[in-house]
Amino acid sequence: MKVTKEILHSYARLIVGSGANVQPGQAVLLNISVDQAEFAAMLTEECYRAGAKRVDLEWQCDEVSRLHFEYAAQETLCEVREWEEAKARQMTVDYPCCIIVESEDPDAMAGISPDKLSAVEQSRAKVLKPYDDAIDGMHQWCIAAIPSEKWAKKCFPGDTTERAMEKLWDAVLKTMRIDGVNDPVAAWKAHTDCISEKAAWLNAQGFCQLRYHSANGTDFHVELIPDAHWEGAADVNSRNGASYIPNMPTEEIFTTPLAGSCGGTLVATRPLSWNGQLIENFSITFEDGRAVSCKAEKGQALLEKMLRMDECANMLGEVALVPKESAVNSCGFLFYSTLFDENACCHVALGAGYKEVLPDGNELTVAQAKERGINDSMIHVDFMVGSDDLAIDGVRPDGSSAPIFRSGTWA
């Protein structure tokens, strides 16, 4: 489908209206690449049409970000200046609606020292994470994507840049349910309703454990928090009751497992892009709830650094179910983007969990949520474990079990 300005405006309306669901009088924070100025203007206009009182832009640039790490001293990059902390503090006053548009090069930080990348993230998180925690569940946010030339060429290296962009745009619009014919808002409503039905079925089963098996070597079990529920697609801002879709696209139904209660081996079925670098063909083995070893054909040092980001980075914060016939997987290629690839198949996440899966989660402090079994960490990194033969069983407290997934899809 030819990407016209009409299509782009339709996409912008979908992100602002169905995704972020900007409310009258809300402040909006838009994070987008400098290469996407035209789309940034479209999103800004749609935000104001929705009633936003102010739209602030944060511009991103892969090339400049890389130059910072190549030339600036580590101590300089680790420093959080007063204005940066004040900006984070202001978020806890405005509770802005956040829109993040990804279009980065998957190899943007290739070759940069993993030690430097992790040290900078660790140092800055010590100052900024409390502000992120303070607005958790208290504002709307939406992450979407728009193709860039470097991203497209990574996905389709054998094609010309023009053809690669056409292919990536076709895939993005397909997963966003924008076909130029049907109403994408109505299509997303039907999609989220279907996901909600599946989540309701899972919640009714009362499973206390999940067991994973695949011929690739995955043999894993994880305990679930007794009163935690499964969620999918839409979320709700507890401050104003506004429903929003955090990730577009989304195909997952997820929950937060009991921190420190899992064991076995998970084999990744897709590469992981973290901090602008790729980790490929890897597996992680868990004992007593923590990752105790890992193997990667590419990115071994980076993976090890990720697992040591803090004392809880080696525990799970999410388990998510995605059938192999998802709109993302049906595109038939690797996106090299967690936003898309996590919605191609089942995945788990290392690091922070979601306290909102608890009935009173949004009322809990981080410490209280941790006492209830929600992992807390400065990272939340998804990696994919779904395969065509993946089997997942749910176990109930009485020992009875039921198949959830067979051959990579709903049983």
Protein backbone atom coordinates (compact mmCIF):
# COMPACT_ATOMS: atom_id res chain seq x y z
CA MET A 1 0.00 0.00 0.00
CA LYS A 2 1.36 3.41 -0.98
CA VAL A 3 2.11 5.50 2.10
CA THR A 4 0.25 8.72 1.42
CA LYS A 5 -0.18 11.71 3.71
CA GLU A 6 -3.74 10.50 4.25
CA ILE A 7 -2.39 7.16 5.54
CA LEU A 8 0.11 8.95 7.78
CA HIS A 9 -2.64 11.17 9.23
CA SER A 10 -4.76 8.07 9.85
CA TYR A 11 -1.82 6.46 11.65
CA ALA A 12 -1.24 9.58 13.75
CA ARG A 13 -4.93 9.71 14.72
CA LEU A 14 -4.83 6.05 15.73
CA ILE A 15 -1.76 6.54 17.95
CA VAL A 16 -3.15 9.66 19.64
CA GLY A 17 -6.76 8.53 19.93
CA SER A 18 -6.76 4.75 20.43
CA GLY A 19 -3.18 4.33 21.63
CA ALA A 20 -2.41 7.18 24.02
CA ASN A 21 -6.04 8.32 24.21
CA VAL A 22 -5.04 11.92 24.93
CA GLN A 23 -7.61 13.60 27.16
CA PRO A 24 -8.72 17.26 27.13
CA GLY A 25 -6.43 19.36 29.29
CA GLN A 26 -3.60 16.83 29.42
CA ALA A 27 0.04 17.66 28.81
CA VAL A 28 1.71 15.41 26.22
CA LEU A 29 5.37 14.40 25.96
CA LEU A 30 6.33 13.22 22.46
CA ASN A 31 9.62 11.35 21.97
CA ILE A 32 10.58 10.90 18.31
CA SER A 33 13.56 10.84 15.95
CA VAL A 34 14.78 14.03 14.27
CA ASP A 35 14.35 12.17 10.96
CA GLN A 36 10.59 12.04 11.50
CA ALA A 37 9.79 15.75 11.76
CA GLU A 38 6.81 15.55 9.38
CA PHE A 39 5.18 12.76 11.40
CA ALA A 40 5.99 14.61 14.62
CA ALA A 41 4.00 17.58 13.33
CA MET A 42 1.06 15.30 12.46
CA LEU A 43 1.08 13.76 15.95
CA THR A 44 1.34 17.17 17.59
CA GLU A 45 -1.65 18.45 15.64
CA GLU A 46 -3.71 15.37 16.52
CA CYS A 47 -2.83 15.84 20.20
CA TYR A 48 -4.05 19.43 20.13
CA ARG A 49 -7.20 18.38 18.29
CA ALA A 50 -7.81 15.88 21.09
CA GLY A 51 -7.65 18.73 23.60
CA ALA A 52 -4.04 18.60 24.82
CA LYS A 53 -3.04 21.74 26.71
CA ARG A 54 0.61 21.42 25.73
CA VAL A 55 2.79 19.14 23.59
CA ASP A 56 6.49 18.95 24.46
CA LEU A 57 8.92 17.27 22.05
CA GLU A 58 12.00 15.23 22.89
CA TRP A 59 14.07 14.68 19.77
CA GLN A 60 16.23 11.58 19.39
CA CYS A 61 19.16 11.01 17.01
CA ASP A 62 20.99 7.68 16.72
CA GLU A 63 24.10 9.23 15.23
CA VAL A 64 24.47 11.82 17.99
CA SER A 65 23.73 9.27 20.72
CA ARG A 66 26.52 7.09 19.38
CA LEU A 67 28.95 10.00 19.22
CA HIS A 68 28.30 10.71 22.92
CA PHE A 69 29.45 7.19 23.78
CA GLU A 70 32.40 7.31 21.40
CA TYR A 71 33.84 10.61 22.63
CA ALA A 72 32.40 11.68 26.00
CA ALA A 73 33.92 10.39 29.23
CA GLN A 74 31.95 7.75 31.10
CA GLU A 75 31.76 10.00 34.18
CA THR A 76 30.19 12.74 32.06
CA LEU A 77 27.56 10.42 30.59
CA CYS A 78 26.73 9.01 34.03
CA GLU A 79 26.00 12.43 35.48
CA VAL A 80 22.36 13.47 35.87
CA ARG A 81 22.34 17.25 35.79
CA GLU A 82 19.99 19.38 37.87
CA TRP A 83 17.78 20.31 34.93
CA GLU A 84 17.39 16.65 33.96
CA GLU A 85 16.26 15.69 37.45
CA ALA A 86 13.95 18.70 37.55
CA LYS A 87 12.42 17.55 34.28
CA ALA A 88 11.83 14.07 35.71
CA ARG A 89 10.36 15.63 38.84
CA GLN A 90 8.00 17.73 36.72
CA MET A 91 6.61 14.50 35.27
CA THR A 92 5.28 13.66 38.73
CA VAL A 93 3.43 16.99 38.72
CA ASP A 94 2.04 16.97 35.18
CA TYR A 95 1.55 13.20 34.79
CA PRO A 96 1.78 13.80 31.04
CA CYS A 97 0.47 11.47 28.39
CA CYS A 98 3.63 10.02 26.77
CA ILE A 99 3.95 9.04 23.11
CA ILE A 100 7.16 7.32 21.99
CA VAL A 101 7.77 6.71 18.29
CA GLU A 102 10.57 4.24 17.56
CA SER A 103 12.51 4.26 14.29
CA GLU A 104 16.04 3.59 15.42
CA ASP A 105 18.79 1.65 13.70
CA PRO A 106 19.05 -1.79 15.42
CA ASP A 107 22.85 -1.55 15.10
CA ALA A 108 23.12 2.03 16.34
CA MET A 109 25.45 1.13 19.22
CA ALA A 110 27.25 -1.83 17.63
CA GLY A 111 30.85 -1.94 18.84
CA ILE A 112 30.32 0.36 21.83
CA SER A 113 31.70 -1.11 25.06
CA PRO A 114 29.02 -3.06 26.96
CA ASP A 115 30.75 -1.97 30.18
CA LYS A 116 30.27 1.69 29.31
CA LEU A 117 26.66 1.25 28.20
CA SER A 118 25.65 -0.61 31.35
CA ALA A 119 27.58 1.70 33.68
CA VAL A 120 25.84 4.77 32.27
CA GLU A 121 22.40 3.16 32.50
CA GLN A 122 23.02 1.98 36.07
CA SER A 123 24.28 5.35 37.27
CA ARG A 124 21.47 7.38 35.71
CA ALA A 125 18.79 4.94 36.88
CA LYS A 126 19.81 5.45 40.51
CA VAL A 127 18.68 9.06 40.21
CA LEU A 128 15.82 8.85 37.71
CA LYS A 129 14.09 5.53 38.53
CA PRO A 130 12.26 6.89 41.63
CA TYR A 131 10.52 9.43 39.42
CA ASP A 132 9.53 6.73 36.94
CA ASP A 133 8.16 4.66 39.83
CA ALA A 134 6.15 7.64 41.07
CA ILE A 135 4.13 7.92 37.85
CA ASP A 136 3.77 4.19 37.22
CA GLY A 137 0.12 3.45 36.49
CA MET A 138 -0.76 7.14 36.88
CA HIS A 139 -0.53 8.30 33.26
CA GLN A 140 -1.18 7.09 29.72
CA TRP A 141 1.59 6.11 27.36
CA CYS A 142 1.93 4.55 23.95
CA ILE A 143 4.91 3.21 22.02
CA ALA A 144 4.54 2.93 18.25
CA ALA A 145 6.99 2.92 15.32
CA ILE A 146 7.70 4.46 11.95
CA PRO A 147 10.17 2.99 9.45
CA SER A 148 13.62 4.49 8.91
CA GLU A 149 16.05 3.64 6.12
CA LYS A 150 18.63 1.96 8.37
CA TRP A 151 15.97 -0.09 10.13
CA ALA A 152 14.47 -1.14 6.79
CA LYS A 153 17.86 -2.14 5.35
CA LYS A 154 18.57 -4.22 8.48
CA CYS A 155 15.32 -6.13 7.91
CA PHE A 156 15.77 -6.45 4.13
CA PRO A 157 19.51 -6.25 3.37
CA GLY A 158 19.16 -7.68 -0.15
CA ASP A 159 16.77 -4.98 -1.35
CA THR A 160 17.32 -1.43 -2.46
CA THR A 161 16.65 1.16 0.23
CA GLU A 162 13.46 2.22 -1.54
CA ARG A 163 12.14 -1.35 -1.77
CA ALA A 164 13.18 -2.12 1.81
CA MET A 165 11.24 0.91 3.03
CA GLU A 166 8.18 -0.20 1.05
CA LYS A 167 8.31 -3.66 2.61
CA LEU A 168 8.77 -2.37 6.15
CA TRP A 169 5.97 0.15 5.76
CA ASP A 170 3.65 -2.59 4.45
CA ALA A 171 4.44 -4.70 7.51
CA VAL A 172 4.04 -1.85 10.01
CA LEU A 173 0.68 -0.83 8.55
CA LYS A 174 -0.48 -4.47 8.49
CA THR A 175 0.33 -4.97 12.16
CA MET A 176 -1.33 -1.64 12.96
CA ARG A 177 -4.47 -2.79 11.10
CA ILE A 178 -4.36 0.13 8.68
CA ASP A 179 -5.33 -1.08 5.21
CA GLY A 180 -6.82 2.05 3.64
CA VAL A 181 -10.24 0.39 3.49
CA ASN A 182 -11.48 -0.55 6.95
CA ASP A 183 -11.75 1.68 10.01
CA PRO A 184 -8.53 1.06 12.02
CA VAL A 185 -10.18 2.30 15.24
CA ALA A 186 -12.95 -0.28 14.90
CA ALA A 187 -10.39 -2.95 13.96
CA TRP A 188 -8.40 -2.23 17.11
CA LYS A 189 -11.54 -2.32 19.24
CA ALA A 190 -12.35 -5.82 17.92
CA HIS A 191 -8.75 -6.90 18.43
CA THR A 192 -8.50 -5.70 22.02
CA ASP A 193 -11.89 -7.24 22.83
CA CYS A 194 -10.61 -10.62 21.60
CA ILE A 195 -7.47 -10.34 23.73
CA SER A 196 -9.60 -9.40 26.76
CA GLU A 197 -11.67 -12.55 26.28
CA LYS A 198 -8.56 -14.72 26.31
CA ALA A 199 -7.26 -12.96 29.43
CA ALA A 200 -10.61 -13.53 31.16
CA TRP A 201 -10.37 -17.26 30.40
CA LEU A 202 -6.87 -17.44 31.89
CA ASN A 203 -7.99 -15.57 34.99
CA ALA A 204 -10.88 -17.99 35.46
CA GLN A 205 -8.52 -21.00 35.49
CA GLY A 206 -6.69 -19.99 38.67
CA PHE A 207 -3.33 -21.32 37.49
CA CYS A 208 -0.48 -21.13 40.02
CA GLN A 209 2.29 -22.38 37.73
CA LEU A 210 3.23 -22.49 34.06
CA ARG A 211 5.37 -25.21 32.45
CA TYR A 212 7.16 -24.67 29.11
CA HIS A 213 8.57 -27.33 26.77
CA SER A 214 10.10 -27.15 23.30
CA ALA A 215 12.38 -29.40 21.26
CA ASN A 216 14.94 -26.57 21.06
CA GLY A 217 15.87 -27.15 24.71
CA THR A 218 13.34 -25.01 26.53
CA ASP A 219 12.31 -26.85 29.71
CA PHE A 220 11.09 -24.34 32.25
CA HIS A 221 8.59 -23.75 35.04
CA VAL A 222 7.51 -20.54 36.76
CA GLU A 223 5.22 -19.83 39.71
CA LEU A 224 2.46 -17.24 39.48
CA ILE A 225 1.34 -14.77 42.16
CA PRO A 226 -1.94 -16.09 43.63
CA ASP A 227 -3.99 -12.88 43.31
CA ALA A 228 -2.31 -11.48 40.18
CA HIS A 229 -4.40 -11.35 37.03
CA TRP A 230 -3.67 -11.64 33.32
CA GLU A 231 -3.95 -8.51 31.19
CA GLY A 232 -3.71 -7.69 27.52
CA ALA A 233 -3.80 -4.84 25.01
CA ALA A 234 -5.62 -2.07 26.86
CA ASP A 235 -4.67 -0.56 30.21
CA VAL A 236 -6.32 2.09 32.39
CA ASN A 237 -4.89 5.25 33.91
CA SER A 238 -5.84 4.96 37.59
CA ARG A 239 -5.89 8.76 38.00
CA ASN A 240 -8.51 9.59 35.36
CA GLY A 241 -9.93 6.23 34.24
CA ALA A 242 -8.78 6.71 30.63
CA SER A 243 -8.22 3.47 28.71
CA TYR A 244 -5.13 3.32 26.51
CA ILE A 245 -3.00 0.85 24.55
CA PRO A 246 0.64 1.00 25.74
CA ASN A 247 2.15 -0.93 22.82
CA MET A 248 1.07 -0.66 19.19
CA PRO A 249 1.21 -3.27 17.78
CA THR A 250 0.26 -5.67 20.54
CA GLU A 251 -0.75 -9.33 20.46
CA GLU A 252 0.17 -10.41 23.98
CA ILE A 253 -1.62 -11.49 27.13
CA PHE A 254 0.71 -11.11 30.10
CA THR A 255 1.11 -11.24 33.84
CA THR A 256 3.89 -10.80 36.37
CA PRO A 257 5.15 -14.08 37.89
CA LEU A 258 6.22 -14.60 41.48
CA ALA A 259 9.71 -13.14 41.81
CA GLY A 260 12.39 -15.67 42.63
CA SER A 261 10.25 -18.72 41.84
CA CYS A 262 11.24 -20.32 38.57
CA GLY A 263 13.67 -22.90 37.26
CA GLY A 264 14.95 -24.55 34.11
CA THR A 265 16.19 -23.31 30.75
CA LEU A 266 14.65 -20.89 28.29
CA VAL A 267 16.01 -20.85 24.73
CA ALA A 268 15.54 -17.58 22.87
CA THR A 269 13.98 -17.97 19.43
CA ARG A 270 14.74 -14.47 18.14
CA PRO A 271 17.64 -12.04 18.56
CA LEU A 272 17.40 -9.43 21.31
CA SER A 273 18.23 -5.79 20.60
CA TRP A 274 19.39 -4.09 23.80
CA ASN A 275 21.10 -0.71 24.09
CA GLY A 276 21.50 -0.59 20.33
CA GLN A 277 23.32 -3.93 20.12
CA LEU A 278 22.19 -7.43 19.21
CA ILE A 279 22.31 -10.60 21.33
CA GLU A 280 21.75 -13.67 19.16
CA ASN A 281 21.18 -17.42 19.58
CA PHE A 282 21.14 -17.41 23.34
CA SER A 283 19.69 -19.31 26.27
CA ILE A 284 19.35 -18.59 29.97
CA THR A 285 19.20 -21.14 32.79
CA PHE A 286 17.42 -20.36 36.06
CA GLU A 287 17.72 -21.89 39.53
CA ASP A 288 15.72 -20.82 42.58
CA GLY A 289 14.21 -17.97 40.60
CA ARG A 290 17.43 -16.39 39.32
CA ALA A 291 19.42 -16.67 36.12
CA VAL A 292 22.57 -18.61 37.00
CA SER A 293 24.10 -19.03 33.54
CA CYS A 294 23.68 -17.90 29.96
CA LYS A 295 25.09 -18.73 26.54
CA ALA A 296 25.04 -16.55 23.43
CA GLU A 297 26.66 -17.00 20.04
CA LYS A 298 26.76 -13.21 19.71
CA GLY A 299 26.62 -10.65 22.52
CA GLN A 300 27.68 -12.92 25.39
CA ALA A 301 29.36 -10.09 27.31
CA LEU A 302 26.37 -7.80 26.76
CA LEU A 303 23.96 -10.47 28.01
CA GLU A 304 26.07 -11.04 31.11
CA LYS A 305 26.15 -7.30 31.80
CA MET A 306 22.37 -7.10 31.44
CA LEU A 307 21.87 -9.86 34.01
CA ARG A 308 24.08 -7.94 36.46
CA MET A 309 22.51 -4.51 36.04
CA ASP A 310 21.21 -4.71 39.62
CA GLU A 311 20.47 -7.40 42.19
CA CYS A 312 17.09 -8.25 40.65
CA ALA A 313 17.90 -7.98 36.94
CA ASN A 314 18.40 -11.76 36.81
CA MET A 315 14.80 -12.49 37.87
CA LEU A 316 11.66 -12.43 35.76
CA GLY A 317 9.15 -9.59 35.71
CA GLU A 318 6.79 -10.80 33.00
CA VAL A 319 5.49 -13.85 31.17
CA ALA A 320 3.49 -13.25 28.01
CA LEU A 321 1.49 -15.46 25.67
CA VAL A 322 1.36 -14.74 21.92
CA PRO A 323 0.04 -17.22 19.32
CA LYS A 324 2.23 -17.94 16.30
CA GLU A 325 -0.50 -16.73 13.93
CA SER A 326 -0.24 -13.18 15.29
CA ALA A 327 -0.28 -10.32 12.79
CA VAL A 328 3.39 -9.64 13.50
CA ASN A 329 4.54 -13.22 13.01
CA SER A 330 2.53 -13.53 9.80
CA CYS A 331 4.75 -10.84 8.28
CA GLY A 332 7.38 -13.57 8.00
CA PHE A 333 10.56 -11.71 8.93
CA LEU A 334 12.52 -10.51 11.93
CA PHE A 335 11.92 -6.85 12.79
CA TYR A 336 14.99 -6.46 15.03
CA SER A 337 12.71 -4.44 17.30
CA THR A 338 11.40 -5.71 20.62
CA LEU A 339 8.17 -3.75 20.11
CA PHE A 340 7.37 -5.96 17.12
CA ASP A 341 9.28 -9.19 17.76
CA GLU A 342 7.81 -9.66 21.25
CA ASN A 343 4.40 -9.67 19.57
CA ALA A 344 5.39 -12.41 17.15
CA CYS A 345 5.58 -15.18 19.74
CA CYS A 346 5.55 -15.97 23.46
CA HIS A 347 8.12 -14.13 25.53
CA VAL A 348 9.30 -13.38 29.04
CA ALA A 349 10.98 -10.31 30.49
CA LEU A 350 13.94 -9.99 32.80
CA GLY A 351 13.75 -7.29 35.45
CA ALA A 352 10.88 -5.16 36.67
CA GLY A 353 7.38 -6.55 36.95
CA TYR A 354 4.02 -4.80 36.74
CA LYS A 355 2.39 -4.03 40.06
CA GLU A 356 -0.89 -3.19 38.29
CA VAL A 357 -1.57 -6.92 37.80
CA LEU A 358 -2.47 -7.00 41.51
CA PRO A 359 -6.04 -5.96 42.44
CA ASP A 360 -4.76 -2.98 44.44
CA GLY A 361 -1.48 -2.65 42.58
CA ASN A 362 -1.63 1.03 41.68
CA GLU A 363 -2.07 1.91 45.34
CA LEU A 364 1.11 0.09 46.38
CA THR A 365 4.55 1.53 46.82
CA VAL A 366 7.44 -0.23 45.10
CA ALA A 367 8.44 -1.78 48.41
CA GLN A 368 4.91 -3.03 49.11
CA ALA A 369 4.62 -4.51 45.60
CA LYS A 370 7.95 -6.25 46.10
CA GLU A 371 6.64 -7.84 49.30
CA ARG A 372 3.72 -9.23 47.28
CA GLY A 373 6.07 -10.89 44.78
CA ILE A 374 6.53 -8.20 42.09
CA ASN A 375 10.16 -8.00 40.98
CA ASP A 376 11.79 -4.56 41.01
CA SER A 377 14.72 -3.64 38.79
CA MET A 378 16.06 -0.80 36.69
CA ILE A 379 15.59 -2.93 33.56
CA HIS A 380 12.65 -4.61 31.86
CA VAL A 381 13.99 -6.57 28.89
CA ASP A 382 11.76 -8.87 26.83
CA PHE A 383 13.14 -11.86 24.97
CA MET A 384 11.26 -14.27 22.78
CA VAL A 385 10.85 -17.99 23.53
CA GLY A 386 7.93 -18.93 21.30
CA SER A 387 8.45 -21.68 18.71
CA ASP A 388 6.29 -23.71 16.35
CA ASP A 389 6.28 -26.63 18.79
CA LEU A 390 6.10 -24.71 22.08
CA ALA A 391 3.83 -26.35 24.65
CA ILE A 392 2.69 -24.50 27.78
CA ASP A 393 0.63 -26.07 30.54
CA GLY A 394 -1.08 -24.34 33.42
CA VAL A 395 -1.09 -26.01 36.83
CA ARG A 396 -3.74 -25.28 39.47
CA PRO A 397 -3.21 -25.32 43.27
CA ASP A 398 -4.94 -28.71 43.52
CA GLY A 399 -2.40 -30.24 41.13
CA SER A 400 -4.71 -30.45 38.14
CA SER A 401 -3.41 -29.04 34.86
CA ALA A 402 -4.70 -27.85 31.52
CA PRO A 403 -3.01 -27.19 28.17
CA ILE A 404 -2.70 -23.50 27.35
CA PHE A 405 -0.48 -23.68 24.24
CA ARG A 406 0.19 -26.50 21.83
CA SER A 407 2.35 -26.21 18.70
CA GLY A 408 2.94 -22.55 19.38
CA THR A 409 -0.69 -21.47 19.64
CA TRP A 410 -3.75 -21.63 21.87
CA ALA A 411 -4.71 -25.15 22.83
